[in-house]
Structures are given as C-alpha cells and as structure tokens.
C-alpha atoms as a PDB file:
ATOM      1  CA  MET A   1      59.939 178.456 113.055  1.00  0.00           C
ATOM      2  CA  LEU A   2      62.671 177.181 110.713  1.00  0.00           C
ATOM      3  CA  ALA A   3      65.104 176.980 113.618  1.00  0.00           C
ATOM      4  CA  GLY A   4      62.546 174.933 115.558  1.00  0.00           C
ATOM      5  CA  LEU A   5      62.170 172.522 112.668  1.00  0.00           C
ATOM      6  CA  ILE A   6      65.912 172.089 112.432  1.00  0.00           C
ATOM      7  CA  ALA A   7      66.357 171.707 116.184  1.00  0.00           C
ATOM      8  CA  CYS A   8      63.682 169.016 116.308  1.00  0.00           C
ATOM      9  CA  ALA A   9      65.185 167.321 113.235  1.00  0.00           C
ATOM     10  CA  THR A  10      61.798 167.095 111.612  1.00  0.00           C
ATOM     11  CA  ALA A  11      61.387 167.657 107.919  1.00  0.00           C
ATOM     12  CA  THR A  12      58.538 169.427 106.269  1.00  0.00           C
ATOM     13  CA  PRO A  13      58.838 169.589 102.502  1.00  0.00           C
ATOM     14  CA  ALA A  14      58.037 173.007 101.071  1.00  0.00           C
ATOM     15  CA  VAL A  15      55.944 173.209  97.920  1.00  0.00           C
ATOM     16  CA  ALA A  16      55.479 175.869  95.266  1.00  0.00           C
ATOM     17  CA  SER A  17      53.925 176.524  91.893  1.00  0.00           C
ATOM     18  CA  SER A  18      55.260 174.765  88.794  1.00  0.00           C
ATOM     19  CA  ALA A  19      56.992 177.995  87.752  1.00  0.00           C
ATOM     20  CA  GLU A  20      59.726 177.424  90.359  1.00  0.00           C
ATOM     21  CA  THR A  21      60.994 173.889  89.636  1.00  0.00           C
ATOM     22  CA  ALA A  22      60.186 170.760  87.678  1.00  0.00           C
ATOM     23  CA  PRO A  23      57.552 168.451  89.195  1.00  0.00           C
ATOM     24  CA  ILE A  24      58.482 165.225  90.976  1.00  0.00           C
ATOM     25  CA  GLU A  25      56.623 162.329  92.599  1.00  0.00           C
ATOM     26  CA  GLN A  26      53.835 162.976  95.070  1.00  0.00           C
ATOM     27  CA  ALA A  27      55.263 163.202  98.595  1.00  0.00           C
ATOM     28  CA  PRO A  28      54.143 160.798 101.334  1.00  0.00           C
ATOM     29  CA  GLY A  29      51.168 162.144 103.228  1.00  0.00           C
ATOM     30  CA  GLN A  30      50.169 164.335 100.317  1.00  0.00           C
ATOM     31  CA  ALA A  31      46.453 164.083  99.618  1.00  0.00           C
ATOM     32  CA  ALA A  32      45.174 162.806  96.276  1.00  0.00           C
ATOM     33  CA  GLY A  33      44.809 165.675  93.829  1.00  0.00           C
ATOM     34  CA  GLU A  34      47.808 167.515  95.288  1.00  0.00           C
ATOM     35  CA  ALA A  35      50.324 165.873  92.937  1.00  0.00           C
ATOM     36  CA  GLU A  36      50.644 169.169  91.034  1.00  0.00           C
ATOM     37  CA  GLN A  37      52.468 170.577  94.071  1.00  0.00           C
ATOM     38  CA  ILE A  38      56.211 170.196  93.873  1.00  0.00           C
ATOM     39  CA  TRP A  39      59.116 169.914  96.281  1.00  0.00           C
ATOM     40  CA  VAL A  40      61.290 173.023  96.510  1.00  0.00           C
ATOM     41  CA  SER A  41      63.239 172.620  99.766  1.00  0.00           C
ATOM     42  CA  GLU A  42      63.621 170.740 103.027  1.00  0.00           C
ATOM     43  CA  SER A  43      65.570 171.369 106.236  1.00  0.00           C
ATOM     44  CA  GLY A  44      66.707 169.047 108.995  1.00  0.00           C
ATOM     45  CA  THR A  45      69.514 166.801 110.154  1.00  0.00           C
ATOM     46  CA  ALA A  46      71.865 164.963 107.798  1.00  0.00           C
ATOM     47  CA  SER A  47      73.965 161.958 108.758  1.00  0.00           C
ATOM     48  CA  TRP A  48      76.273 159.721 106.740  1.00  0.00           C
ATOM     49  CA  TYR A  49      76.927 156.061 106.000  1.00  0.00           C
ATOM     50  CA  GLY A  50      79.962 154.342 104.586  1.00  0.00           C
ATOM     51  CA  GLN A  51      82.166 151.266 104.828  1.00  0.00           C
ATOM     52  CA  ARG A  52      79.592 148.926 106.394  1.00  0.00           C
ATOM     53  CA  HIS A  53      77.384 149.372 103.314  1.00  0.00           C
ATOM     54  CA  HIS A  54      80.159 149.723 100.715  1.00  0.00           C
ATOM     55  CA  GLY A  55      79.581 147.350  97.790  1.00  0.00           C
ATOM     56  CA  ARG A  56      76.007 146.457  98.797  1.00  0.00           C
ATOM     57  CA  ARG A  57      73.003 147.088  96.552  1.00  0.00           C
ATOM     58  CA  THR A  58      71.124 150.336  97.076  1.00  0.00           C
ATOM     59  CA  ALA A  59      67.378 150.795  96.612  1.00  0.00           C
ATOM     60  CA  SER A  60      68.124 152.026  93.074  1.00  0.00           C
ATOM     61  CA  GLY A  61      69.827 148.719  92.256  1.00  0.00           C
ATOM     62  CA  SER A  62      73.309 150.203  91.951  1.00  0.00           C
ATOM     63  CA  LEU A  63      76.207 149.170  94.174  1.00  0.00           C
ATOM     64  CA  PHE A  64      76.881 151.612  97.011  1.00  0.00           C
ATOM     65  CA  ASN A  65      80.229 153.383  96.698  1.00  0.00           C
ATOM     66  CA  GLN A  66      81.056 155.138  99.957  1.00  0.00           C
ATOM     67  CA  ASN A  67      83.302 157.606  98.102  1.00  0.00           C
ATOM     68  CA  ALA A  68      80.700 158.691  95.525  1.00  0.00           C
ATOM     69  CA  MET A  69      78.571 161.825  95.865  1.00  0.00           C
ATOM     70  CA  THR A  70      75.334 159.975  96.634  1.00  0.00           C
ATOM     71  CA  ALA A  71      72.672 159.960  99.330  1.00  0.00           C
ATOM     72  CA  ALA A  72      69.612 158.226 100.751  1.00  0.00           C
ATOM     73  CA  HIS A  73      66.294 160.086 101.088  1.00  0.00           C
ATOM     74  CA  PRO A  74      62.883 158.839 102.283  1.00  0.00           C
ATOM     75  CA  TRP A  75      60.855 159.632  99.141  1.00  0.00           C
ATOM     76  CA  LEU A  76      62.661 161.664  96.464  1.00  0.00           C
ATOM     77  CA  PRO A  77      62.861 159.736  93.168  1.00  0.00           C
ATOM     78  CA  MET A  78      66.031 157.779  92.456  1.00  0.00           C
ATOM     79  CA  GLY A  79      68.433 159.825  90.364  1.00  0.00           C
ATOM     80  CA  THR A  80      67.234 163.187  91.746  1.00  0.00           C
ATOM     81  CA  LYS A  81      70.082 165.669  92.122  1.00  0.00           C
ATOM     82  CA  VAL A  82      69.964 167.593  95.407  1.00  0.00           C
ATOM     83  CA  LYS A  83      71.980 170.552  96.629  1.00  0.00           C
ATOM     84  CA  VAL A  84      72.864 169.991 100.299  1.00  0.00           C
ATOM     85  CA  THR A  85      73.954 173.095 102.223  1.00  0.00           C
ATOM     86  CA  ARG A  86      75.425 172.837 105.702  1.00  0.00           C
ATOM     87  CA  LEU A  87      73.770 175.585 107.746  1.00  0.00           C
ATOM     88  CA  ASP A  88      76.628 176.355 110.145  1.00  0.00           C
ATOM     89  CA  THR A  89      79.322 176.727 107.467  1.00  0.00           C
ATOM     90  CA  GLY A  90      77.400 177.528 104.285  1.00  0.00           C
ATOM     91  CA  GLN A  91      79.279 174.759 102.425  1.00  0.00           C
ATOM     92  CA  SER A  92      77.275 173.110  99.649  1.00  0.00           C
ATOM     93  CA  ILE A  93      77.584 169.925  97.636  1.00  0.00           C
ATOM     94  CA  ILE A  94      75.441 168.209  95.016  1.00  0.00           C
ATOM     95  CA  VAL A  95      74.474 164.571  95.523  1.00  0.00           C
ATOM     96  CA  THR A  96      72.389 162.052  93.604  1.00  0.00           C
ATOM     97  CA  ILE A  97      69.667 160.096  95.415  1.00  0.00           C
ATOM     98  CA  THR A  98      70.438 156.361  95.026  1.00  0.00           C
ATOM     99  CA  ASP A  99      69.016 154.862  98.209  1.00  0.00           C
ATOM    100  CA  ARG A 100      66.138 155.022 100.703  1.00  0.00           C
ATOM    101  CA  LEU A 101      66.378 156.453 104.215  1.00  0.00           C
ATOM    102  CA  PRO A 102      64.237 154.571 106.724  1.00  0.00           C
ATOM    103  CA  SER A 103      64.754 157.074 109.561  1.00  0.00           C
ATOM    104  CA  LYS A 104      62.179 159.712 110.454  1.00  0.00           C
ATOM    105  CA  LYS A 105      64.818 161.577 112.507  1.00  0.00           C
ATOM    106  CA  ARG A 106      66.938 162.705 109.551  1.00  0.00           C
ATOM    107  CA  VAL A 107      66.173 164.259 106.172  1.00  0.00           C
ATOM    108  CA  ILE A 108      69.109 162.696 104.307  1.00  0.00           C
ATOM    109  CA  ASP A 109      71.951 160.193 104.742  1.00  0.00           C
ATOM    110  CA  LEU A 110      75.039 161.170 102.776  1.00  0.00           C
ATOM    111  CA  SER A 111      77.715 158.826 101.501  1.00  0.00           C
ATOM    112  CA  TYR A 112      81.034 159.036 103.345  1.00  0.00           C
ATOM    113  CA  GLY A 113      82.547 160.953 100.414  1.00  0.00           C
ATOM    114  CA  ALA A 114      79.769 163.542 100.443  1.00  0.00           C
ATOM    115  CA  ALA A 115      79.968 163.906 104.240  1.00  0.00           C
ATOM    116  CA  GLN A 116      83.730 164.351 103.958  1.00  0.00           C
ATOM    117  CA  LYS A 117      83.266 167.207 101.433  1.00  0.00           C
ATOM    118  CA  LEU A 118      80.865 168.905 103.893  1.00  0.00           C
ATOM    119  CA  GLY A 119      83.315 168.390 106.765  1.00  0.00           C
ATOM    120  CA  MET A 120      80.815 166.486 108.917  1.00  0.00           C
ATOM    121  CA  VAL A 121      82.434 163.048 109.211  1.00  0.00           C
ATOM    122  CA  HIS A 122      83.816 163.600 112.708  1.00  0.00           C
ATOM    123  CA  ALA A 123      80.591 165.114 114.096  1.00  0.00           C
ATOM    124  CA  GLY A 124      78.430 162.462 112.402  1.00  0.00           C
ATOM    125  CA  THR A 125      75.515 164.810 111.755  1.00  0.00           C
ATOM    126  CA  ALA A 126      74.901 168.367 110.577  1.00  0.00           C
ATOM    127  CA  ASP A 127      71.907 170.645 110.114  1.00  0.00           C
ATOM    128  CA  VAL A 128      71.287 171.142 106.399  1.00  0.00           C
ATOM    129  CA  ASP A 129      68.993 172.621 103.786  1.00  0.00           C
ATOM    130  CA  LEU A 130      68.082 170.525 100.735  1.00  0.00           C
ATOM    131  CA  GLU A 131      67.130 172.040  97.376  1.00  0.00           C
ATOM    132  CA  PRO A 132      66.524 170.502  93.953  1.00  0.00           C
ATOM    133  CA  VAL A 133      69.196 171.124  91.324  1.00  0.00           C
END
C-alpha cells in the first residue's frame, strides 16, 4: 500500500499516540476532537523551487533563500524541522518549514539547496519519506 501511495503522489499523514512525538497543529481534514492525534510521518513526491522565488517573502514572513535548508509544506507549522529521506538512495536531510505548498500533488517543496543535497535537482522530483525531528 505504501508503494501505491508513493506512486500516486498522494500524502496521508500517519498519526500515533503522544508517546512517540510532540504534538503539532491539527491536520486539515481532521475531525474536531482529534487534535490529540499527532503527525509522525508522510510519504509522497518532493519537488524543489529556487531562483524565481529567491528574495521573496515566504508564508512565514522571512525572505526565501534558495540556498538555505528550507521547505514548503501544506499544513505543518512554520519552523517545524522535518527529516526528508529520498527513498531510492536513502539520503536524508533536515529542513525547516518556512513556506506553504499549494499543490495537492506533492508532499513538500524543497529549496534549491536542500534539493541539491538530496541530488534531485536534475530530476526535479523524488519520492520521499517525511518525519518530524
């Protein structure tokens, strides 16, 4: 089933008890009263963005630096640190969420610098796992 989720580039956040990680904001689509559930992982397609956005304001209010280790995510709180692991190579990096991702096709947009560290600049996208740090 995980392979199917990755192949379709859909993201389904996994949740667990509070013993596994620290709680974060309620995820979109989560019913009222489920806020005690927490995000523990997510899989799907990552892409990257760079020079066209360099120097512009992000959703967090900071200026986007294409060379920084930052990323855009649909709903994780600004400032959240996320471990991004490329599934085909096993390479991992840690990024900070500083922007919003409007796409439903991808789980995360990495800065150019982060994509470069994962070796995915040329391909443009990569299948990844996301985990809280």
